[in-house]
Protein backbone atom coordinates (compact mmCIF):
# COMPACT_ATOMS: atom_id res chain seq x y z
CA MET A 1 -2.56 -13.11 5.75
CA ILE A 2 -3.06 -11.52 2.47
CA ASP A 3 -4.01 -14.53 -0.60
CA VAL A 4 -1.24 -13.36 -2.88
CA GLY A 5 -2.96 -15.18 -5.82
CA GLY A 6 -6.04 -13.74 -5.84
CA THR A 7 -8.44 -11.12 -3.81
CA PRO A 8 -10.32 -12.97 -1.42
CA ALA A 9 -8.03 -12.41 1.99
CA LEU A 10 -8.21 -8.46 0.72
CA ALA A 11 -12.08 -8.56 0.78
CA GLN A 12 -12.39 -10.19 4.19
CA ALA A 13 -9.39 -7.77 5.52
CA ALA A 14 -10.83 -4.61 4.35
CA PRO A 15 -13.72 -4.14 6.85
CA GLN A 16 -11.02 -3.37 8.95
CA ALA A 17 -10.53 -0.26 7.53
CA ARG A 18 -13.92 0.42 6.62
CA SER A 19 -15.05 0.56 9.85
CA GLY A 20 -11.78 1.98 12.00
CA ALA A 21 -12.31 5.34 11.25
CA ARG A 22 -9.50 5.57 14.23
CA ILE A 23 -7.26 3.84 12.12
CA ALA A 24 -4.70 6.58 10.41
CA PRO A 25 -4.27 6.79 7.21
CA GLY A 26 -1.45 4.89 6.53
CA THR A 27 -1.65 2.01 8.65
CA LEU A 28 0.06 -1.43 7.80
CA LEU A 29 -3.06 -3.81 7.93
CA ASP A 30 -1.28 -7.05 6.68
CA SER A 31 1.64 -7.90 4.67
CA GLN A 32 2.92 -11.17 3.18
CA PRO A 33 6.18 -11.87 1.30
CA LEU A 34 6.18 -11.56 -2.34
CA PRO A 35 8.07 -14.14 -4.02
CA ASN A 36 10.31 -13.76 -7.11
CA ALA A 37 11.67 -10.14 -5.64
CA PRO A 38 15.13 -8.69 -6.98
CA GLU A 39 18.13 -9.73 -5.76
CA GLY A 40 18.83 -9.26 -2.52
CA ALA A 41 15.67 -7.29 -1.88
CA ALA A 42 12.87 -8.09 0.31
CA ALA A 43 9.51 -7.64 -1.18
CA TYR A 44 5.93 -7.57 0.21
CA ARG A 45 2.55 -7.18 -0.64
CA VAL A 46 0.35 -4.83 1.88
CA LEU A 47 -3.10 -4.13 2.68
CA TYR A 48 -3.13 -0.53 4.23
CA ARG A 49 -5.56 1.90 5.52
CA SER A 50 -6.46 5.03 2.75
CA THR A 51 -8.98 7.25 2.44
CA GLY A 52 -12.60 7.14 0.24
CA LEU A 53 -13.79 9.82 -2.05
CA ARG A 54 -16.36 11.12 0.77
CA GLY A 55 -13.51 10.55 3.78
CA GLU A 56 -14.62 7.46 4.55
CA PRO A 57 -11.75 5.19 5.60
CA ILE A 58 -10.77 2.43 2.75
CA ALA A 59 -8.21 -0.71 1.86
CA VAL A 60 -5.72 -0.07 -0.48
CA SER A 61 -3.43 -3.21 -1.57
CA GLY A 62 0.96 -2.00 -3.24
CA ALA A 63 3.55 -3.63 -2.79
CA ILE A 64 6.72 -2.16 -0.70
CA ILE A 65 10.19 -3.03 -2.09
CA VAL A 66 12.97 -2.71 0.32
CA PRO A 67 16.88 -3.18 -0.60
CA ALA A 68 19.71 -5.22 0.85
CA GLY A 69 22.44 -3.71 3.19
CA PRO A 70 22.50 -1.47 6.09
CA VAL A 71 20.48 1.43 6.60
CA PRO A 72 22.25 4.66 6.17
CA PRO A 73 21.72 7.10 9.21
CA GLY A 74 18.27 9.28 8.86
CA GLY A 75 17.00 6.09 7.06
CA ARG A 76 16.09 5.14 3.59
CA PRO A 77 14.81 7.55 1.58
CA ILE A 78 11.36 5.88 -0.36
CA VAL A 79 10.53 6.59 -4.01
CA ALA A 80 6.80 6.10 -4.61
CA TRP A 81 5.93 4.15 -8.20
CA ALA A 82 2.82 5.54 -9.79
CA HIS A 83 1.97 3.00 -12.19
CA PRO A 84 0.09 3.10 -16.01
CA THR A 85 -3.35 2.63 -16.67
CA THR A 86 -3.49 -1.63 -16.04
CA GLY A 87 -7.46 -1.72 -15.58
CA VAL A 88 -10.36 -0.80 -13.63
CA VAL A 89 -11.56 -4.06 -11.79
CA ASP A 90 -9.95 -5.31 -8.97
CA LYS A 91 -7.96 -8.05 -10.63
CA CYS A 92 -6.02 -5.61 -12.48
CA ALA A 93 -4.03 -4.66 -9.11
CA PRO A 94 -0.09 -4.62 -10.17
CA SER A 95 0.75 -6.02 -6.79
CA LEU A 96 -0.76 -9.45 -8.40
CA ALA A 97 0.58 -9.58 -11.51
CA ARG A 98 3.65 -12.01 -12.47
CA VAL A 99 5.68 -9.07 -13.85
CA LEU A 100 5.95 -6.61 -11.02
CA ASP A 101 9.38 -5.92 -10.82
CA ARG A 102 9.49 -5.05 -14.35
CA SER A 103 6.81 -3.06 -14.13
CA ILE A 104 8.38 -0.99 -12.13
CA GLN A 105 10.49 1.15 -14.41
CA GLY A 106 14.35 1.86 -13.00
CA LEU A 107 13.05 -0.46 -10.06
CA ARG A 108 16.86 -2.08 -9.73
CA GLU A 109 18.95 0.94 -10.10
CA MET A 110 16.26 2.88 -7.06
CA LEU A 111 17.28 -0.48 -4.98
CA ALA A 112 20.48 -0.18 -6.15
CA ARG A 113 20.92 3.56 -4.67
CA GLY A 114 19.59 2.10 -1.32
CA TYR A 115 15.52 3.49 -1.82
CA ILE A 116 12.52 1.76 -0.61
CA VAL A 117 9.90 1.35 -3.89
CA ALA A 118 6.34 2.22 -2.68
CA ALA A 119 3.57 0.91 -5.53
CA THR A 120 0.68 1.59 -4.55
CA ASP A 121 -2.48 -0.55 -6.50
CA TYR A 122 -4.78 2.26 -5.77
CA PRO A 123 -8.17 2.16 -4.37
CA GLY A 124 -10.58 -0.89 -6.59
CA LEU A 125 -7.42 -2.29 -7.79
CA GLY A 126 -6.92 -5.89 -5.49
CA THR A 127 -9.38 -4.84 -3.01
CA PRO A 128 -13.13 -4.43 -3.60
CA GLY A 129 -15.03 -1.78 -5.24
CA VAL A 130 -14.93 0.25 -8.30
CA HIS A 131 -11.26 1.73 -9.55
CA PRO A 132 -11.76 5.49 -9.30
CA TYR A 133 -9.32 5.90 -12.72
CA LEU A 134 -7.95 8.79 -13.56
CA VAL A 135 -9.84 10.62 -10.21
CA GLY A 136 -7.10 12.71 -8.88
CA ILE A 137 -7.61 12.76 -5.47
CA SER A 138 -7.81 9.13 -4.94
CA GLU A 139 -4.96 7.99 -6.37
CA GLY A 140 -3.02 10.91 -4.78
CA ARG A 141 -3.94 9.83 -1.07
CA ALA A 142 -2.97 6.21 -2.06
CA VAL A 143 0.37 7.00 -3.28
CA LEU A 144 0.82 9.18 -0.13
CA ASP A 145 -0.18 6.37 2.30
CA SER A 146 1.69 3.85 0.71
CA VAL A 147 5.04 6.22 1.48
CA ARG A 148 3.53 5.86 5.28
CA VAL A 149 3.33 2.03 4.94
CA ALA A 150 6.94 1.42 3.95
CA ARG A 151 7.75 3.39 6.75
CA GLN A 152 6.24 1.62 8.86
CA LEU A 153 6.96 -1.55 7.36
CA ALA A 154 10.78 -0.84 7.20
CA GLY A 155 10.64 -0.02 11.05
CA PRO A 156 12.34 2.53 13.48
CA GLY A 157 14.93 4.47 12.07
CA GLY A 158 14.36 2.20 8.50
CA ALA A 159 13.09 4.61 6.60
CA ALA A 160 13.19 8.87 6.43
CA ASN A 161 10.02 10.79 5.85
CA ALA A 162 11.70 12.27 2.98
CA PHE A 163 10.31 10.74 -0.50
CA ALA A 164 10.17 11.32 -3.98
CA VAL A 165 7.43 10.32 -6.63
CA TRP A 166 7.90 8.56 -9.95
CA GLY A 167 4.94 8.16 -12.36
CA HIS A 168 3.91 6.91 -15.64
CA SER A 169 0.75 7.91 -17.66
CA GLN A 170 -1.86 7.40 -15.16
CA GLY A 171 0.85 7.29 -12.81
CA GLY A 172 2.23 10.77 -13.95
CA HIS A 173 -1.36 11.94 -13.49
CA ALA A 174 -0.93 10.26 -9.95
CA ALA A 175 2.27 11.77 -9.23
CA LEU A 176 0.86 15.47 -9.93
CA PHE A 177 -1.76 14.95 -7.67
CA THR A 178 0.09 13.49 -5.15
CA GLY A 179 1.96 16.86 -5.34
CA LEU A 180 -0.97 19.10 -5.28
CA LEU A 181 -2.15 16.47 -2.03
CA ALA A 182 0.89 16.38 -0.27
CA HIS A 183 0.85 19.22 2.24
CA GLY A 184 -2.15 19.54 3.46
CA TYR A 185 -3.38 15.50 3.73
CA ALA A 186 0.32 14.28 4.54
CA PRO A 187 2.20 16.80 6.63
CA ASP A 188 4.49 14.35 8.40
CA LEU A 189 5.77 13.16 4.85
CA THR A 190 8.55 15.50 3.08
CA LEU A 191 8.34 15.74 -0.83
CA VAL A 192 11.41 16.44 -2.47
CA GLY A 193 10.04 16.04 -6.08
CA VAL A 194 7.78 14.96 -8.93
CA ALA A 195 8.64 12.96 -11.92
CA ALA A 196 5.75 12.11 -14.27
CA ALA A 197 6.37 10.60 -17.43
CA ALA A 198 3.99 11.27 -20.22
CA PRO A 199 1.23 11.89 -17.69
CA ALA A 200 -2.32 12.45 -18.14
CA THR A 201 -2.68 16.34 -17.75
CA GLU A 202 -5.73 18.31 -19.54
CA LEU A 203 -8.27 15.28 -19.55
CA ALA A 204 -10.67 17.29 -21.69
CA THR A 205 -8.40 17.88 -24.48
CA LEU A 206 -6.49 14.08 -24.19
CA MET A 207 -9.94 12.36 -24.81
CA MET A 208 -11.08 14.08 -27.37
CA ALA A 209 -8.20 14.14 -29.36
CA ASP A 210 -7.14 10.57 -28.68
CA LEU A 211 -10.40 9.15 -29.97
CA ASP A 212 -8.80 7.99 -33.19
CA THR A 213 -6.32 5.48 -31.62
CA SER A 214 -6.99 2.37 -29.78
CA GLY A 215 -5.47 3.01 -26.49
CA GLY A 216 -7.43 6.75 -26.68
CA LYS A 217 -10.72 5.11 -27.09
CA ASN A 218 -9.50 2.27 -24.18
CA LEU A 219 -8.58 4.98 -22.14
CA THR A 220 -12.18 7.14 -22.45
CA ALA A 221 -14.02 4.35 -22.32
CA MET A 222 -12.40 3.33 -19.00
CA THR A 223 -13.29 6.83 -17.52
CA LEU A 224 -16.63 7.19 -18.41
CA TRP A 225 -17.32 3.42 -16.98
CA SER A 226 -15.37 4.26 -13.68
CA TRP A 227 -16.32 7.96 -13.04
CA SER A 228 -20.52 6.50 -14.13
CA ARG A 229 -19.96 4.37 -10.97
CA VAL A 230 -17.76 5.96 -8.72
CA TYR A 231 -19.52 9.74 -9.15
CA GLY A 232 -22.90 8.36 -11.01
CA ALA A 233 -22.48 10.20 -13.69
CA PRO A 234 -25.25 8.96 -16.93
CA ILE A 235 -22.91 7.76 -19.42
CA THR A 236 -25.91 6.81 -21.27
CA LYS A 237 -26.15 10.26 -22.04
CA VAL A 238 -22.98 10.28 -23.72
CA VAL A 239 -22.16 6.87 -25.08
CA THR A 240 -24.27 5.38 -27.88
CA PRO A 241 -26.49 2.41 -26.97
CA GLN A 242 -24.39 0.13 -28.25
CA ALA A 243 -21.00 0.64 -27.08
CA LEU A 244 -22.00 0.30 -24.20
CA PRO A 245 -21.45 -3.76 -24.06
CA VAL A 246 -18.17 -2.85 -25.86
CA ILE A 247 -16.76 -0.91 -23.24
CA ASP A 248 -17.76 -3.10 -20.23
CA GLU A 249 -15.78 -5.82 -22.22
CA LEU A 250 -12.85 -3.86 -22.34
CA ALA A 251 -13.49 -2.45 -18.65
CA ASN A 252 -13.15 -6.38 -17.15
CA GLU A 253 -10.00 -6.80 -18.70
CA CYS A 254 -7.07 -5.94 -17.38
CA ILE A 255 -3.42 -4.38 -19.09
CA GLU A 256 -0.73 -6.23 -18.00
CA THR A 257 2.17 -6.25 -20.92
CA ILE A 258 2.41 -5.61 -24.10
CA VAL A 259 0.08 -8.71 -25.63
CA ASP A 260 -2.64 -7.62 -23.58
CA VAL A 261 -2.60 -4.03 -24.96
CA LEU A 262 -2.65 -6.19 -28.57
CA GLU A 263 -5.53 -8.16 -27.68
CA ARG A 264 -7.60 -5.04 -26.72
CA ARG A 265 -7.14 -3.63 -30.34
CA GLY A 266 -10.35 -6.14 -31.22
CA PRO A 267 -12.91 -4.57 -29.04
CA SER A 268 -11.34 -1.14 -29.33
CA ARG A 269 -11.90 -1.50 -33.07
CA ALA A 270 -15.73 -1.79 -32.49
CA LEU A 271 -15.86 1.69 -30.71
CA ASP A 272 -15.39 4.22 -33.75
CA ARG A 273 -15.11 7.48 -33.32
CA SER A 274 -19.15 8.08 -33.09
CA PHE A 275 -19.27 5.82 -29.99
CA LEU A 276 -19.79 9.02 -27.96
CA ALA A 277 -23.70 10.53 -28.53
CA VAL A 278 -21.89 13.83 -27.80
CA ASP A 279 -19.82 15.91 -30.10
CA ASN A 280 -17.63 16.85 -26.66
CA LEU A 281 -17.58 15.73 -23.20
CA ALA A 282 -16.70 18.87 -22.01
CA ASP A 283 -19.77 20.71 -22.85
CA ARG A 284 -22.33 17.96 -20.99
CA GLU A 285 -22.66 18.12 -17.42
CA PRO A 286 -21.55 16.56 -14.75
CA TRP A 287 -18.70 14.89 -17.50
CA ARG A 288 -17.53 19.13 -17.72
CA SER A 289 -16.82 19.77 -14.12
CA LEU A 290 -15.61 16.19 -13.73
CA LEU A 291 -12.89 16.75 -16.08
CA ALA A 292 -12.10 19.86 -14.51
CA ARG A 293 -11.46 18.72 -11.10
CA ASN A 294 -9.67 15.78 -11.96
CA THR A 295 -7.13 17.47 -14.42
CA PRO A 296 -4.04 18.41 -12.20
CA GLY A 297 -3.50 22.57 -11.96
CA THR A 298 0.55 23.80 -10.86
CA LEU A 299 1.84 22.21 -8.16
CA PRO A 300 3.51 24.75 -5.44
CA PRO A 301 6.71 25.66 -6.52
CA ARG A 302 8.46 24.77 -3.78
CA ILE A 303 8.15 20.72 -5.39
CA PRO A 304 10.64 20.95 -8.05
CA VAL A 305 9.73 18.77 -11.34
CA PHE A 306 10.73 16.42 -13.64
CA LEU A 307 8.93 16.02 -17.06
CA ALA A 308 9.56 13.54 -19.79
CA GLN A 309 7.42 13.42 -22.87
CA GLY A 310 8.01 10.67 -26.38
CA SER A 311 7.87 13.08 -29.08
CA THR A 312 5.95 10.23 -31.34
CA ASP A 313 3.49 9.41 -28.13
CA ASN A 314 -0.14 9.43 -29.59
CA LEU A 315 -1.70 8.71 -26.65
CA VAL A 316 -0.66 11.75 -24.25
CA LEU A 317 0.26 14.45 -26.76
CA PRO A 318 3.61 16.34 -26.60
CA ARG A 319 1.85 19.42 -27.44
CA VAL A 320 -0.49 18.82 -24.12
CA THR A 321 2.36 17.80 -21.67
CA GLN A 322 4.21 21.08 -23.25
CA ASP A 323 1.22 23.35 -22.47
CA TYR A 324 1.12 21.80 -19.13
CA ARG A 325 5.35 22.43 -18.39
CA ALA A 326 4.73 25.97 -19.59
CA ARG A 327 1.91 26.62 -16.91
CA LEU A 328 4.40 25.30 -14.45
CA CYS A 329 6.94 27.49 -15.51
CA ARG A 330 4.48 30.85 -15.03
CA ALA A 331 3.71 29.46 -11.82
CA GLY A 332 7.38 29.81 -10.79
CA SER A 333 8.02 25.87 -10.79
CA ARG A 334 11.24 24.55 -11.32
CA VAL A 335 10.72 22.07 -14.08
CA ALA A 336 13.32 19.86 -16.08
CA PHE A 337 11.55 18.91 -19.14
CA ASP A 338 12.87 15.75 -21.47
CA LEU A 339 11.72 15.50 -24.74
CA VAL A 340 12.64 12.12 -26.28
CA PRO A 341 12.73 11.79 -29.29
CA GLY A 342 11.23 9.02 -31.53
CA VAL A 343 9.76 7.64 -28.21
CA GLY A 344 5.98 6.72 -27.84
CA HIS A 345 3.67 6.47 -25.14
CA LEU A 346 4.43 2.58 -23.72
CA SER A 347 8.28 2.93 -24.04
CA ILE A 348 8.89 6.65 -22.87
CA ALA A 349 8.77 5.71 -18.87
CA ARG A 350 11.42 2.98 -19.57
CA ASP A 351 13.50 5.30 -21.54
CA ALA A 352 13.48 7.83 -18.76
CA ALA A 353 14.10 6.01 -16.15
CA PRO A 354 17.75 6.02 -15.86
CA ALA A 355 17.55 10.40 -16.28
CA ALA A 356 14.67 10.58 -13.67
CA ILE A 357 16.21 8.72 -10.92
CA ASP A 358 19.28 10.66 -11.87
CA TRP A 359 17.13 13.80 -11.24
CA ILE A 360 15.76 11.93 -8.19
CA GLY A 361 18.86 11.16 -6.37
CA ASP A 362 19.97 14.77 -6.43
CA ARG A 363 16.97 16.19 -4.75
CA PHE A 364 17.58 13.31 -2.22
CA ALA A 365 21.22 14.94 -1.75
CA GLY A 366 19.97 18.01 -1.40
CA GLU A 367 21.24 19.59 -4.84
CA PRO A 368 19.50 22.65 -6.58
CA ALA A 369 16.49 21.41 -8.66
CA PRO A 370 17.28 22.20 -12.67
CA SER A 371 15.11 24.17 -14.15
CA ASN A 372 14.91 24.74 -18.17
CA CYS A 373 11.87 26.73 -18.43
CA GLY A 374 12.14 29.51 -21.44
CA ALA A 375 14.14 26.73 -23.69
CA GLU A 376 12.28 25.12 -26.14
């Protein structure tokens, strides 16, 4: 069984996924009840089969929360929650955190509506190996396979194949890539909509624009650390030697609460803007190609989109999200865009959750998707 207090048992179970090429993606490998589930709900920490960056079978952990009450005809709808940045090493898995239920924005409302919530950790968080941070194909596959796992855990008739994805920041990036990958990777599932709060979209722009903020330095440092290991990209070509120990320090700490965010400001201050040895990461290969590869494109127009953005966000800049919204609109998507006045990055998913969940509920009900494309 999974050891919910740490990762040793996961490390022992993971070889099943790596060696069992005949095990289908989304297959449940192990599960164990989680303590402190929301009242009336059942929560499980799960280990499941997914697909690595080279097509290899891997193990991914996460959590599934199932509401109480009778199952409706056709099964319960599923919402896949894609979490914001928690770190890049295995101990930073949300399913290991003491505040899991509070970290899933809108969880109680989703459960009250009868939705199953599937919350992946993403690869490398809660399982051995490096987390492919802001690597879209990795995130999207993990999200889609978490929905498959939720259906298995619910049992025959317990869950529908209809699902929505709802994510914040890194999780917004994951939600968009879920929309891009869904038809090809998981044709057995029906994606009714993508909801994202302050998603990371144009990565090259965000990383270079954010270097004057603590959060931006963290995002860039973790991306460089992860991609140098996942892709073999040469970090020493773009980072000054004195910055490397600070980046290693940041990479080995987790972000679970606002206290963790504050504690990271000390090391972040050591990374002044000049910690990069280049003026622009997008000017150097392989970083230019990697940034482009992991910047989400426009979704198929058949998938409606809800975007929420705080007007005072200094990490995911409002203009970047507005530019992405404009691209979606030009591509024919129906986009409900909500610019929330006076809200910053850390609070936008919490503040936008009621509107996002109402929007998701209408998608499950088959209501026509609203769009304010063309509106300022």
